[in-house]
Amino acid sequence: MYKIVALILTINTLAVHGQTTSYRTVKVDGLNIFYREAGPKDARPILFLHGFPSSSRMFESLFPLLSAHYHLIAPDYPGFGYSDAPDPNLFHYTFDHLASIIRSFTDTIGLTQYTLYMQDYGGPVGFRLALANPERVKDIIIQNAVAHIEGLSPLWNTRKAFWQNRSAHEDELKTNFTSLQATKQRHIGNTPHPEHINPDTWNDEYAFLTRPGETQIQLDLFYDYQTNVTSYPKWQQWLRNHQPRLLVLWGKYDPSFTTAGALAYKKDVPEAQVILLDAGHFALDEATNPIATHILNFLNKKHE
């Protein structure tokens, strides 16, 4: 009986304080860009930028915990989630192009200032936004997104070889997109508690990865990822010059991005908060509540 009452109180509390997520599509540069939105539109905005091979869906569990306080916006990039996935023979899948689309997306919906939340591919997209329009970025939250070479684990050796000789190593990289086990492993990583991760996450991603044309889209982006690595010094210099308020949340069981990559941000922004979580690459799979608490504490301090 007590458990039922407690559950009802919890649901009622969320109903009062939370904000329903809306699922919208807007035309941007001729493409349909899907995005999730929640929270009061006059509240401080947070722009969520997802990673590979996910979509805005990765933030679904976080939105109810933040939406009473902030205006939340999470788009899907072209080729991801429910946004259009134009033919890679006709559309250039590069990080410069994705960032350009997302910058146009923010213009289209009237988003002129925001906190950036960047996970994985969200880092390359987000840093491009910050460098192009630094006046728009008020704070930065980084979750397993690399901007330092020491953040790349030995798993990147195959990708580095791919950058040197695409045709010779393309088949090795294809298993990232054509294997359900590889898609699952990105979420499981080295976590000691795989039973905490919802299998819907990797099954949904695998369904998107196996759409026609998707392998070519992701290979093109993997190949272009080398432009991010060569841009690391530029991003680091931007951080040193601007000293943004910076929160780094890092799943320490990430097999792809090392904890050294998290700690390296302190070299650029000494006042950065760096928090290592008992989670993997997709830390929201396992640590949604701690991440929400850290975000609220971090952003609320700004207003004290």
Protein backbone atom coordinates (compact mmCIF):
# COMPACT_ATOMS: atom_id res chain seq x y z
CA MET A 1 0.00 0.00 0.00
CA TYR A 2 2.76 2.45 0.98
CA LYS A 3 4.65 1.68 -2.21
CA ILE A 4 1.58 2.40 -4.31
CA VAL A 5 1.00 5.74 -2.55
CA ALA A 6 4.67 6.66 -3.01
CA LEU A 7 4.46 5.81 -6.72
CA ILE A 8 1.32 7.94 -7.15
CA LEU A 9 3.01 10.86 -5.37
CA THR A 10 6.06 10.51 -7.61
CA ILE A 11 3.94 10.48 -10.77
CA ASN A 12 1.95 13.48 -9.55
CA THR A 13 5.13 15.37 -8.76
CA LEU A 14 6.43 14.76 -12.28
CA ALA A 15 3.09 15.79 -13.74
CA VAL A 16 3.21 19.08 -11.85
CA HIS A 17 6.87 19.95 -12.24
CA GLY A 18 7.88 18.17 -15.44
CA GLN A 19 7.13 19.30 -18.96
CA THR A 20 5.81 17.05 -21.69
CA THR A 21 8.28 16.39 -24.48
CA SER A 22 7.15 17.50 -27.94
CA TYR A 23 8.35 15.78 -31.10
CA ARG A 24 8.71 18.23 -33.96
CA THR A 25 10.07 18.48 -37.49
CA VAL A 26 11.27 21.69 -39.14
CA LYS A 27 12.55 22.37 -42.64
CA VAL A 28 16.23 23.37 -42.62
CA ASP A 29 18.19 23.94 -45.84
CA GLY A 30 15.66 21.79 -47.69
CA LEU A 31 15.83 18.93 -45.16
CA ASN A 32 13.34 17.75 -42.58
CA ILE A 33 15.14 17.98 -39.24
CA PHE A 34 13.48 16.17 -36.36
CA TYR A 35 13.91 17.40 -32.81
CA ARG A 36 12.67 16.88 -29.29
CA GLU A 37 11.67 19.86 -27.19
CA ALA A 38 10.55 20.29 -23.60
CA GLY A 39 10.39 22.89 -20.86
CA PRO A 40 9.25 26.51 -20.75
CA LYS A 41 10.24 28.43 -23.87
CA ASP A 42 11.20 31.45 -21.79
CA ALA A 43 13.61 29.38 -19.66
CA ARG A 44 17.35 29.11 -20.23
CA PRO A 45 17.92 26.87 -23.30
CA ILE A 46 20.09 23.75 -23.46
CA LEU A 47 21.01 22.44 -26.91
CA PHE A 48 21.67 18.69 -26.78
CA LEU A 49 23.92 17.24 -29.49
CA HIS A 50 23.93 13.47 -29.75
CA GLY A 51 26.61 10.96 -30.64
CA PHE A 52 27.16 8.04 -33.00
CA PRO A 53 25.12 6.05 -33.87
CA SER A 54 22.39 7.46 -31.69
CA SER A 55 19.91 10.30 -32.05
CA SER A 56 18.05 12.71 -29.82
CA ARG A 57 16.46 9.58 -28.33
CA MET A 58 19.52 9.21 -26.10
CA PHE A 59 18.29 12.21 -24.06
CA GLU A 60 14.74 10.91 -23.59
CA SER A 61 15.30 9.79 -19.99
CA LEU A 62 17.03 13.05 -19.05
CA PHE A 63 14.37 15.45 -20.32
CA PRO A 64 11.78 14.84 -17.55
CA LEU A 65 14.43 15.56 -14.91
CA LEU A 66 15.43 18.94 -16.37
CA SER A 67 12.38 20.23 -18.18
CA ALA A 68 10.84 22.01 -15.19
CA HIS A 69 13.86 24.29 -15.08
CA TYR A 70 15.20 24.67 -18.62
CA HIS A 71 14.13 24.85 -22.26
CA LEU A 72 15.48 21.64 -23.81
CA ILE A 73 16.14 21.16 -27.54
CA ALA A 74 17.66 18.02 -29.07
CA PRO A 75 17.84 17.67 -32.88
CA ASP A 76 18.73 14.62 -34.97
CA TYR A 77 21.50 15.25 -37.51
CA PRO A 78 20.86 14.48 -41.17
CA GLY A 79 21.34 10.73 -41.60
CA PHE A 80 20.41 10.02 -37.96
CA GLY A 81 17.20 9.23 -36.15
CA TYR A 82 14.07 10.69 -37.70
CA SER A 83 15.74 13.48 -39.69
CA ASP A 84 16.07 13.12 -43.45
CA ALA A 85 18.92 10.92 -44.65
CA PRO A 86 19.70 12.18 -48.15
CA ASP A 87 21.67 10.04 -50.59
CA PRO A 88 25.38 10.26 -49.68
CA ASN A 89 26.17 10.58 -53.38
CA LEU A 90 24.23 13.85 -53.37
CA PHE A 91 24.82 15.13 -49.83
CA HIS A 92 28.26 15.62 -48.27
CA TYR A 93 28.34 13.85 -44.92
CA THR A 94 31.07 15.80 -43.18
CA PHE A 95 31.20 17.33 -39.73
CA ASP A 96 31.48 20.79 -41.26
CA HIS A 97 28.22 20.13 -43.10
CA LEU A 98 26.42 18.67 -40.08
CA ALA A 99 27.46 21.70 -38.02
CA SER A 100 26.25 24.02 -40.76
CA ILE A 101 22.84 22.31 -40.76
CA ILE A 102 22.55 22.48 -36.98
CA ARG A 103 23.59 26.15 -37.01
CA SER A 104 20.82 26.79 -39.55
CA PHE A 105 18.47 24.75 -37.35
CA THR A 106 19.15 27.03 -34.38
CA ASP A 107 18.51 30.07 -36.58
CA THR A 108 15.27 28.57 -37.88
CA ILE A 109 13.82 27.94 -34.41
CA GLY A 110 15.15 31.26 -33.06
CA LEU A 111 17.73 29.82 -30.65
CA THR A 112 20.28 32.61 -30.19
CA GLN A 113 21.94 31.66 -26.87
CA TYR A 114 22.23 28.30 -25.17
CA THR A 115 24.13 25.90 -22.98
CA LEU A 116 25.78 23.23 -25.12
CA TYR A 117 25.51 19.56 -24.11
CA MET A 118 27.84 17.54 -26.34
CA GLN A 119 28.17 13.75 -26.42
CA ASP A 120 30.53 11.89 -28.81
CA TYR A 121 29.78 13.32 -32.31
CA GLY A 122 28.15 16.21 -30.48
CA GLY A 123 31.67 17.41 -29.63
CA PRO A 124 32.80 17.98 -33.24
CA VAL A 125 29.44 19.53 -34.12
CA GLY A 126 29.29 21.64 -30.97
CA PHE A 127 32.85 22.96 -31.13
CA ARG A 128 32.21 24.10 -34.68
CA LEU A 129 29.14 25.98 -33.45
CA ALA A 130 31.12 27.54 -30.62
CA LEU A 131 33.97 28.68 -32.86
CA ALA A 132 31.57 30.13 -35.42
CA ASN A 133 29.37 31.94 -32.90
CA PRO A 134 31.06 32.14 -29.48
CA GLU A 135 28.57 34.75 -28.29
CA ARG A 136 25.80 32.15 -28.42
CA VAL A 137 27.44 29.62 -26.09
CA LYS A 138 26.90 30.42 -22.42
CA ASP A 139 28.08 27.19 -20.77
CA ILE A 140 29.34 23.81 -21.99
CA ILE A 141 28.56 20.32 -20.72
CA ILE A 142 30.72 17.58 -22.23
CA GLN A 143 29.81 13.92 -21.88
CA ASN A 144 32.31 11.49 -23.41
CA ALA A 145 33.28 13.79 -26.28
CA VAL A 146 36.98 14.10 -27.10
CA ALA A 147 39.00 17.21 -27.88
CA HIS A 148 42.48 15.88 -27.01
CA ILE A 149 44.49 13.17 -28.72
CA GLU A 150 45.08 11.37 -25.41
CA GLY A 151 41.35 10.74 -25.25
CA LEU A 152 41.43 8.27 -28.15
CA SER A 153 41.86 4.68 -26.99
CA PRO A 154 43.75 1.97 -28.95
CA LEU A 155 40.42 1.09 -30.61
CA TRP A 156 41.07 4.09 -32.84
CA ASN A 157 44.09 2.45 -34.48
CA THR A 158 41.85 0.77 -37.08
CA ARG A 159 40.17 4.09 -37.83
CA LYS A 160 43.51 5.84 -38.16
CA ALA A 161 44.55 3.20 -40.69
CA PHE A 162 41.24 3.80 -42.49
CA TRP A 163 42.11 7.50 -42.76
CA GLN A 164 45.43 6.61 -44.34
CA ASN A 165 43.98 4.12 -46.85
CA ARG A 166 40.20 4.10 -47.05
CA SER A 167 39.73 1.35 -49.62
CA ALA A 168 42.10 -1.06 -47.88
CA HIS A 169 40.38 -0.78 -44.48
CA GLU A 170 36.75 -0.08 -45.34
CA ASP A 171 35.58 -3.67 -44.78
CA GLU A 172 37.01 -3.62 -41.24
CA LEU A 173 35.02 -0.51 -40.41
CA LYS A 174 31.76 -1.83 -41.87
CA THR A 175 31.27 -4.18 -38.93
CA ASN A 176 30.51 -1.04 -36.88
CA PHE A 177 27.32 -0.58 -38.89
CA THR A 178 26.34 -4.06 -40.03
CA SER A 179 26.78 -6.03 -36.79
CA LEU A 180 24.18 -6.04 -34.04
CA GLN A 181 26.87 -7.24 -31.64
CA ALA A 182 29.04 -4.20 -32.38
CA THR A 183 26.06 -1.92 -31.83
CA LYS A 184 25.34 -3.62 -28.51
CA GLN A 185 28.99 -3.49 -27.44
CA ARG A 186 29.08 0.29 -27.81
CA HIS A 187 26.54 0.46 -24.99
CA ILE A 188 27.81 -2.40 -22.86
CA GLY A 189 31.47 -1.39 -23.14
CA ASN A 190 33.36 -2.45 -20.02
CA THR A 191 30.56 -1.76 -17.55
CA PRO A 192 30.37 -4.22 -14.64
CA HIS A 193 26.55 -3.93 -14.69
CA PRO A 194 25.31 -4.60 -18.24
CA GLU A 195 21.96 -5.66 -16.77
CA HIS A 196 21.22 -1.97 -16.11
CA ILE A 197 21.22 -1.10 -19.81
CA ASN A 198 17.97 -1.28 -21.75
CA PRO A 199 18.45 -3.45 -24.88
CA ASP A 200 16.00 -1.19 -26.71
CA THR A 201 18.85 1.32 -27.06
CA TRP A 202 21.06 -0.80 -29.30
CA ASN A 203 18.20 -2.53 -31.10
CA ASP A 204 16.70 0.82 -32.10
CA GLU A 205 20.08 2.10 -33.24
CA TYR A 206 20.70 -1.05 -35.24
CA ALA A 207 17.37 -0.59 -37.03
CA PHE A 208 18.50 2.87 -38.17
CA LEU A 209 22.02 1.68 -39.05
CA THR A 210 20.69 -0.98 -41.39
CA ARG A 211 18.53 1.38 -43.47
CA PRO A 212 19.46 1.62 -47.17
CA GLY A 213 22.42 3.93 -47.69
CA GLU A 214 23.25 4.17 -43.99
CA THR A 215 26.53 2.25 -44.19
CA GLN A 216 27.88 4.71 -46.75
CA ILE A 217 26.70 7.67 -44.66
CA GLN A 218 28.51 6.44 -41.59
CA LEU A 219 31.66 5.44 -43.48
CA ASP A 220 31.83 8.96 -44.92
CA LEU A 221 31.57 10.44 -41.43
CA PHE A 222 34.13 8.02 -40.01
CA TYR A 223 36.51 9.06 -42.78
CA ASP A 224 35.86 12.74 -42.14
CA TYR A 225 36.45 12.28 -38.41
CA GLN A 226 40.14 12.86 -39.06
CA THR A 227 39.28 16.55 -39.56
CA ASN A 228 38.19 16.61 -35.92
CA VAL A 229 41.51 15.25 -34.71
CA THR A 230 43.43 17.87 -36.69
CA SER A 231 41.10 20.49 -35.22
CA TYR A 232 41.82 19.54 -31.59
CA PRO A 233 44.51 22.24 -31.12
CA LYS A 234 42.09 24.87 -32.45
CA TRP A 235 39.33 23.74 -30.08
CA GLN A 236 41.76 23.68 -27.16
CA GLN A 237 42.89 27.22 -27.98
CA TRP A 238 39.27 28.37 -28.08
CA LEU A 239 38.71 26.89 -24.62
CA ARG A 240 41.85 28.58 -23.29
CA ASN A 241 40.87 31.92 -24.79
CA HIS A 242 37.22 31.93 -23.73
CA GLN A 243 37.35 29.99 -20.42
CA PRO A 244 33.68 28.93 -20.58
CA ARG A 245 31.97 27.48 -17.55
CA LEU A 246 32.63 23.82 -18.23
CA LEU A 247 31.21 20.60 -16.78
CA VAL A 248 32.75 17.33 -17.96
CA LEU A 249 30.72 14.19 -17.24
CA TRP A 250 32.53 11.01 -18.26
CA GLY A 251 31.52 7.36 -18.21
CA LYS A 252 34.77 5.77 -17.06
CA TYR A 253 33.98 2.37 -18.64
CA ASP A 254 34.08 3.84 -22.16
CA PRO A 255 36.26 1.53 -24.32
CA SER A 256 36.63 4.16 -27.04
CA PHE A 257 37.32 7.42 -25.18
CA THR A 258 39.72 7.28 -22.23
CA THR A 259 39.41 9.08 -18.91
CA ALA A 260 42.62 10.89 -19.86
CA GLY A 261 40.49 12.66 -22.44
CA ALA A 262 38.19 13.89 -19.67
CA LEU A 263 40.99 15.11 -17.42
CA ALA A 264 42.71 16.87 -20.33
CA TYR A 265 40.00 19.55 -20.33
CA LYS A 266 41.46 20.84 -17.05
CA LYS A 267 44.59 21.87 -18.96
CA ASP A 268 42.52 24.28 -21.04
CA VAL A 269 39.93 25.35 -18.46
CA PRO A 270 41.47 24.93 -14.98
CA GLU A 271 38.15 25.74 -13.27
CA ALA A 272 36.33 22.98 -15.18
CA GLN A 273 34.44 20.41 -13.13
CA VAL A 274 35.41 16.90 -14.22
CA ILE A 275 33.29 14.04 -12.86
CA LEU A 276 33.99 10.38 -13.64
CA LEU A 277 30.85 8.28 -13.58
CA ASP A 278 30.28 4.55 -13.05
CA ALA A 279 29.01 4.21 -16.60
CA GLY A 280 30.13 3.60 -20.16
CA HIS A 281 30.32 5.62 -23.37
CA PHE A 282 26.55 6.25 -23.27
CA ALA A 283 26.55 7.29 -19.63
CA LEU A 284 22.85 8.17 -19.72
CA ASP A 285 22.15 4.45 -20.09
CA GLU A 286 23.22 3.91 -16.49
CA ALA A 287 23.58 7.25 -14.72
CA THR A 288 20.63 9.43 -15.73
CA ASN A 289 19.82 10.61 -12.20
CA PRO A 290 23.41 11.49 -11.21
CA ILE A 291 23.90 13.29 -14.52
CA ALA A 292 20.71 15.31 -14.00
CA THR A 293 21.82 16.24 -10.49
CA HIS A 294 25.25 17.36 -11.68
CA ILE A 295 23.71 19.45 -14.47
CA LEU A 296 21.23 21.16 -12.14
CA ASN A 297 23.95 21.91 -9.57
CA PHE A 298 26.28 23.22 -12.27
CA LEU A 299 23.75 25.49 -13.96
CA ASN A 300 22.11 26.68 -10.73
CA LYS A 301 25.46 27.96 -9.44
CA LYS A 302 25.47 30.35 -12.37
CA HIS A 303 22.40 32.06 -10.96
CA GLU A 304 23.44 32.22 -7.31
